[in-house]
């Protein structure tokens, strides 16, 4: 196998957050420790997107597909977005695919799948421990609902034995529908012209959030769970230290827009809030600043 160390956040994407010496400044959230490293050394996983085959081998088709998506996006970013030029329809479609991939390709998304499967497995165990009478009563209720498709507990557990393969294959399966939704939403490229103000990124940079739902139901609740088709949802993805893609259904005009420092701060706090293990910036000062502001909000 030739591709052992694979980036879970694309290296061409990370290159857009380096300092003048080509270094990334990394904040380890658990230790509050900041260090510098090159993009090639961070946010990788061994054989992360490999599809395990029945003969014991593996396929890198997912990694190859993601690399093609990254390469196409990188060219569009350098030639159009960085220069603040409007995108052609096909270019917008290519960027939509990249954004959709950034939603699903992360270690954070894989961990979410693992947690979800664990909850289902616990529920299955409870069902299996029921008495025959309880199972019959539950079956009579279940007959009122006609699901489109069901799987047996054995089939489910077979899937959960190899979550990495399930996750990797599901990335590509989800891209057509999700990228089409993102394509049809309203886009703004938010920019900062100030040399001392920057956007952060992280190990989970594509943030989907529904603020009105959070205000109504509370952060982290089922009712506040965001979905791309929700009227009030918005998506943010930092594209570089000076450009952030902001997407929702309500923007009146699509454009490149310089934003004030206060809004930059709010977006950086959001990015750090949804980071799992690390936040990334082009200097230490910005990381410390956002970390302190986030700590103030949590008091």
Protein backbone atom coordinates (compact mmCIF):
# COMPACT_ATOMS: atom_id res chain seq x y z
CA UNK A 1 0.00 0.00 0.00
CA UNK A 2 1.47 3.38 -0.97
CA UNK A 3 -0.75 5.99 0.74
CA UNK A 4 -0.40 5.51 4.46
CA UNK A 5 -0.56 9.10 5.75
CA UNK A 6 -3.71 10.79 4.44
CA UNK A 7 -4.90 14.31 5.23
CA UNK A 8 -8.34 14.45 6.86
CA UNK A 9 -8.33 18.20 6.18
CA UNK A 10 -6.81 18.82 2.72
CA UNK A 11 -3.23 20.07 2.60
CA UNK A 12 -3.97 22.57 -0.23
CA UNK A 13 -6.70 24.01 2.02
CA UNK A 14 -4.35 24.25 5.02
CA UNK A 15 -1.73 26.02 2.89
CA UNK A 16 -4.08 29.04 2.83
CA UNK A 17 -3.70 29.51 6.60
CA UNK A 18 0.12 29.54 6.87
CA UNK A 19 2.27 32.43 8.03
CA UNK A 20 4.96 34.07 5.87
CA UNK A 21 7.33 31.19 6.67
CA UNK A 22 4.89 28.50 5.60
CA UNK A 23 4.00 27.44 9.16
CA UNK A 24 0.62 26.78 10.72
CA UNK A 25 0.02 27.91 14.31
CA UNK A 26 -1.84 25.15 16.14
CA UNK A 27 -3.83 25.46 19.36
CA UNK A 28 -4.37 22.17 21.20
CA UNK A 29 -7.68 22.91 22.89
CA UNK A 30 -7.35 20.37 25.70
CA UNK A 31 -3.92 21.60 26.82
CA UNK A 32 -4.24 25.25 25.72
CA UNK A 33 -0.83 24.71 24.08
CA UNK A 34 0.24 26.51 20.90
CA UNK A 35 2.94 25.25 18.55
CA UNK A 36 4.02 25.68 14.93
CA UNK A 37 4.23 23.04 12.23
CA UNK A 38 4.07 22.60 8.46
CA UNK A 39 0.75 21.64 6.79
CA UNK A 40 2.17 18.25 5.80
CA UNK A 41 2.52 17.26 9.47
CA UNK A 42 -0.98 17.97 10.79
CA UNK A 43 -4.52 16.58 10.49
CA UNK A 44 -3.62 13.23 8.98
CA UNK A 45 -4.66 9.64 9.60
CA UNK A 46 -3.09 6.33 8.64
CA UNK A 47 -5.02 4.78 5.74
CA UNK A 48 -7.94 6.98 6.83
CA UNK A 49 -10.08 6.63 3.68
CA UNK A 50 -9.17 3.09 2.70
CA UNK A 51 -11.96 0.73 1.66
CA UNK A 52 -11.15 -2.70 3.04
CA UNK A 53 -11.75 -5.54 0.58
CA UNK A 54 -12.81 -9.11 1.30
CA UNK A 55 -9.47 -10.50 0.09
CA UNK A 56 -7.63 -8.56 2.77
CA UNK A 57 -6.50 -5.77 0.46
CA UNK A 58 -7.70 -2.20 0.27
CA UNK A 59 -8.89 0.37 -2.24
CA UNK A 60 -7.84 4.03 -2.33
CA UNK A 61 -10.67 5.07 -4.64
CA UNK A 62 -12.12 7.44 -2.00
CA UNK A 63 -8.77 9.11 -1.37
CA UNK A 64 -8.19 9.45 -5.12
CA UNK A 65 -11.64 11.02 -5.54
CA UNK A 66 -11.07 13.46 -2.68
CA UNK A 67 -7.68 14.44 -4.11
CA UNK A 68 -9.34 15.28 -7.44
CA UNK A 69 -11.96 17.38 -5.63
CA UNK A 70 -9.22 19.19 -3.66
CA UNK A 71 -7.11 19.85 -6.75
CA UNK A 72 -10.02 21.31 -8.71
CA UNK A 73 -11.12 23.47 -5.78
CA UNK A 74 -7.55 24.70 -5.16
CA UNK A 75 -7.27 25.90 -8.75
CA UNK A 76 -10.60 27.76 -8.50
CA UNK A 77 -9.59 29.32 -5.19
CA UNK A 78 -6.23 30.56 -6.49
CA UNK A 79 -7.53 31.80 -9.84
CA UNK A 80 -10.92 33.20 -8.86
CA UNK A 81 -11.83 33.35 -5.16
CA UNK A 82 -8.49 34.70 -3.92
CA UNK A 83 -8.73 37.40 -6.60
CA UNK A 84 -12.36 38.10 -5.59
CA UNK A 85 -13.75 37.26 -9.02
CA UNK A 86 -17.27 35.87 -9.65
CA UNK A 87 -17.57 32.14 -10.25
CA UNK A 88 -18.92 30.54 -13.39
CA UNK A 89 -21.73 28.00 -12.93
CA UNK A 90 -19.42 24.99 -13.30
CA UNK A 91 -16.92 26.50 -10.86
CA UNK A 92 -19.67 27.07 -8.33
CA UNK A 93 -20.64 23.42 -8.72
CA UNK A 94 -17.06 22.29 -8.11
CA UNK A 95 -16.78 24.44 -4.99
CA UNK A 96 -20.14 23.04 -3.77
CA UNK A 97 -18.72 19.52 -4.04
CA UNK A 98 -15.63 20.57 -2.07
CA UNK A 99 -17.75 22.15 0.68
CA UNK A 100 -19.96 19.06 0.91
CA UNK A 101 -16.86 16.87 1.21
CA UNK A 102 -15.57 19.10 4.01
CA UNK A 103 -18.77 18.42 5.95
CA UNK A 104 -18.28 14.64 5.85
CA UNK A 105 -14.59 13.78 5.49
CA UNK A 106 -13.40 14.77 8.98
CA UNK A 107 -12.48 12.66 11.99
CA UNK A 108 -15.23 14.55 13.83
CA UNK A 109 -17.88 13.24 11.43
CA UNK A 110 -16.53 9.69 11.73
CA UNK A 111 -16.73 9.98 15.52
CA UNK A 112 -20.34 11.13 15.19
CA UNK A 113 -21.14 8.00 13.17
CA UNK A 114 -19.46 5.83 15.80
CA UNK A 115 -21.49 7.43 18.60
CA UNK A 116 -24.72 7.07 16.64
CA UNK A 117 -24.05 3.39 15.92
CA UNK A 118 -23.23 2.78 19.59
CA UNK A 119 -26.61 4.22 20.58
CA UNK A 120 -28.39 2.00 18.07
CA UNK A 121 -26.48 -1.06 19.27
CA UNK A 122 -27.48 -0.32 22.87
CA UNK A 123 -31.10 -0.02 21.77
CA UNK A 124 -30.88 -3.35 19.92
CA UNK A 125 -29.50 -5.01 23.04
CA UNK A 126 -32.46 -3.71 25.05
CA UNK A 127 -34.85 -5.10 22.46
CA UNK A 128 -33.12 -8.48 22.51
CA UNK A 129 -33.42 -8.64 26.29
CA UNK A 130 -37.21 -8.15 26.22
CA UNK A 131 -39.62 -10.92 27.08
CA UNK A 132 -41.56 -12.58 24.27
CA UNK A 133 -44.73 -10.75 25.35
CA UNK A 134 -42.96 -7.38 25.24
CA UNK A 135 -41.57 -8.18 21.78
CA UNK A 136 -45.06 -9.10 20.52
CA UNK A 137 -46.51 -5.86 21.87
CA UNK A 138 -43.76 -3.84 20.24
CA UNK A 139 -44.20 -5.73 16.96
CA UNK A 140 -47.91 -4.90 16.89
CA UNK A 141 -47.09 -1.20 17.21
CA UNK A 142 -44.35 -1.39 14.59
CA UNK A 143 -46.78 -2.82 12.05
CA UNK A 144 -48.51 0.57 11.94
CA UNK A 145 -45.42 1.99 10.25
CA UNK A 146 -44.20 0.81 6.86
CA UNK A 147 -40.49 1.67 6.53
CA UNK A 148 -38.99 1.92 3.06
CA UNK A 149 -36.18 -0.42 4.00
CA UNK A 150 -35.11 -2.39 7.04
CA UNK A 151 -32.03 -4.38 8.01
CA UNK A 152 -31.59 -7.12 10.57
CA UNK A 153 -29.53 -6.66 13.72
CA UNK A 154 -26.96 -9.05 12.24
CA UNK A 155 -26.65 -6.88 9.11
CA UNK A 156 -26.31 -3.77 11.24
CA UNK A 157 -23.56 -5.28 13.38
CA UNK A 158 -21.69 -6.37 10.27
CA UNK A 159 -21.59 -2.72 9.17
CA UNK A 160 -20.37 -1.52 12.56
CA UNK A 161 -17.42 -3.92 12.51
CA UNK A 162 -15.76 -1.66 9.93
CA UNK A 163 -16.91 1.91 10.53
CA UNK A 164 -13.90 3.41 8.66
CA UNK A 165 -14.98 1.68 5.45
CA UNK A 166 -18.62 2.64 6.02
CA UNK A 167 -17.67 6.27 6.62
CA UNK A 168 -15.30 6.46 3.66
CA UNK A 169 -17.79 4.99 1.20
CA UNK A 170 -20.63 7.15 2.54
CA UNK A 171 -18.69 10.36 1.80
CA UNK A 172 -18.98 9.83 -1.94
CA UNK A 173 -22.54 8.53 -1.67
CA UNK A 174 -23.71 11.73 0.03
CA UNK A 175 -21.89 14.21 -2.22
CA UNK A 176 -24.38 14.49 -5.14
CA UNK A 177 -27.43 15.39 -3.06
CA UNK A 178 -25.68 17.57 -0.50
CA UNK A 179 -23.55 19.49 -3.00
CA UNK A 180 -26.68 20.21 -5.06
CA UNK A 181 -28.38 21.73 -2.00
CA UNK A 182 -25.32 23.88 -1.24
CA UNK A 183 -25.15 24.95 -4.89
CA UNK A 184 -28.71 26.30 -4.69
CA UNK A 185 -28.21 28.23 -1.45
CA UNK A 186 -27.15 31.88 -1.32
CA UNK A 187 -23.42 32.59 -1.01
CA UNK A 188 -21.31 35.43 0.34
CA UNK A 189 -17.53 35.48 0.44
CA UNK A 190 -16.70 37.44 3.59
CA UNK A 191 -13.29 39.08 3.56
CA UNK A 192 -10.96 41.01 5.80
CA UNK A 193 -8.58 43.52 4.34
CA UNK A 194 -6.80 44.13 7.64
CA UNK A 195 -3.33 42.58 7.83
CA UNK A 196 -3.66 42.07 11.60
CA UNK A 197 -7.07 40.38 11.53
CA UNK A 198 -7.56 36.84 10.31
CA UNK A 199 -9.95 33.94 10.06
CA UNK A 200 -9.20 30.73 11.94
CA UNK A 201 -9.83 27.20 10.80
CA UNK A 202 -9.86 23.89 12.67
CA UNK A 203 -10.09 20.10 12.49
CA UNK A 204 -13.85 20.53 11.96
CA UNK A 205 -14.02 23.75 9.93
CA UNK A 206 -17.31 23.45 8.06
CA UNK A 207 -19.90 24.65 10.59
CA UNK A 208 -23.63 24.11 10.08
CA UNK A 209 -25.78 25.97 12.61
CA UNK A 210 -29.38 27.11 13.13
CA UNK A 211 -29.26 30.05 15.55
CA UNK A 212 -33.04 30.52 16.03
CA UNK A 213 -33.40 26.80 16.83
CA UNK A 214 -30.57 27.03 19.37
CA UNK A 215 -32.27 30.00 21.04
CA UNK A 216 -35.54 28.08 21.19
CA UNK A 217 -34.38 24.60 22.21
CA UNK A 218 -30.86 25.11 23.59
CA UNK A 219 -27.40 24.32 22.22
CA UNK A 220 -26.73 20.63 21.61
CA UNK A 221 -30.37 19.53 21.88
CA UNK A 222 -32.21 17.41 19.31
CA UNK A 223 -34.47 20.34 18.44
CA UNK A 224 -31.51 22.55 17.57
CA UNK A 225 -29.89 20.00 15.25
CA UNK A 226 -29.17 21.80 11.95
CA UNK A 227 -30.13 20.61 8.47
CA UNK A 228 -29.23 22.20 5.15
CA UNK A 229 -32.87 22.54 4.09
CA UNK A 230 -33.92 24.40 7.23
CA UNK A 231 -35.01 27.96 6.50
CA UNK A 232 -32.79 29.52 9.19
CA UNK A 233 -29.71 27.35 8.84
CA UNK A 234 -26.38 28.80 7.79
CA UNK A 235 -23.05 27.27 6.87
CA UNK A 236 -19.62 28.80 7.32
CA UNK A 237 -16.29 27.57 6.03
CA UNK A 238 -13.07 29.59 6.33
CA UNK A 239 -11.25 29.34 2.99
CA UNK A 240 -8.12 31.25 3.95
CA UNK A 241 -6.85 33.64 6.59
CA UNK A 242 -8.71 36.43 4.78
CA UNK A 243 -11.73 34.79 3.11
CA UNK A 244 -14.67 32.85 4.60
CA UNK A 245 -17.58 31.33 2.69
CA UNK A 246 -20.94 32.07 4.33
CA UNK A 247 -24.01 30.26 2.97
CA UNK A 248 -27.72 30.38 3.81
CA UNK A 249 -31.15 30.68 2.16
CA UNK A 250 -31.81 34.35 2.99
CA UNK A 251 -28.94 36.41 1.63
CA UNK A 252 -30.26 39.12 -0.66
CA UNK A 253 -27.21 39.53 -2.88
CA UNK A 254 -24.28 37.21 -3.54
CA UNK A 255 -20.97 39.04 -3.39
CA UNK A 256 -17.52 39.46 -1.88
CA UNK A 257 -17.96 41.62 1.19
CA UNK A 258 -15.45 43.19 3.59
CA UNK A 259 -16.68 42.70 7.15
CA UNK A 260 -15.98 44.48 10.41
CA UNK A 261 -13.71 43.15 13.15
CA UNK A 262 -16.68 42.35 15.39
CA UNK A 263 -18.15 39.95 12.82
CA UNK A 264 -14.73 38.39 12.21
CA UNK A 265 -14.52 37.74 15.95
CA UNK A 266 -17.98 36.15 16.01
CA UNK A 267 -17.15 33.84 13.12
CA UNK A 268 -13.80 32.87 14.67
CA UNK A 269 -15.51 32.07 17.97
CA UNK A 270 -17.96 29.86 16.06
CA UNK A 271 -15.12 28.05 14.31
CA UNK A 272 -13.32 27.41 17.60
CA UNK A 273 -16.54 26.32 19.35
CA UNK A 274 -17.03 23.52 16.83
CA UNK A 275 -13.36 22.49 16.71
CA UNK A 276 -12.78 19.07 18.27
CA UNK A 277 -9.10 18.97 19.17
CA UNK A 278 -7.27 21.79 17.42
CA UNK A 279 -7.75 25.28 16.02
CA UNK A 280 -5.46 26.64 13.31
CA UNK A 281 -4.34 30.16 12.41
CA UNK A 282 -1.50 32.08 10.80
CA UNK A 283 -0.29 33.52 14.12
CA UNK A 284 -0.37 32.84 17.87
CA UNK A 285 -1.93 36.15 18.78
CA UNK A 286 -5.21 35.45 16.99
CA UNK A 287 -5.55 32.00 18.56
CA UNK A 288 -5.05 33.39 22.07
CA UNK A 289 -7.44 36.25 21.41
CA UNK A 290 -10.28 34.02 20.22
CA UNK A 291 -9.66 31.48 22.99
CA UNK A 292 -9.99 34.22 25.61
CA UNK A 293 -13.18 35.58 24.05
CA UNK A 294 -14.69 32.10 23.92
CA UNK A 295 -13.82 31.57 27.58
CA UNK A 296 -15.59 34.83 28.45
CA UNK A 297 -18.74 33.66 26.65
CA UNK A 298 -18.77 30.40 28.59
CA UNK A 299 -18.70 32.10 31.99
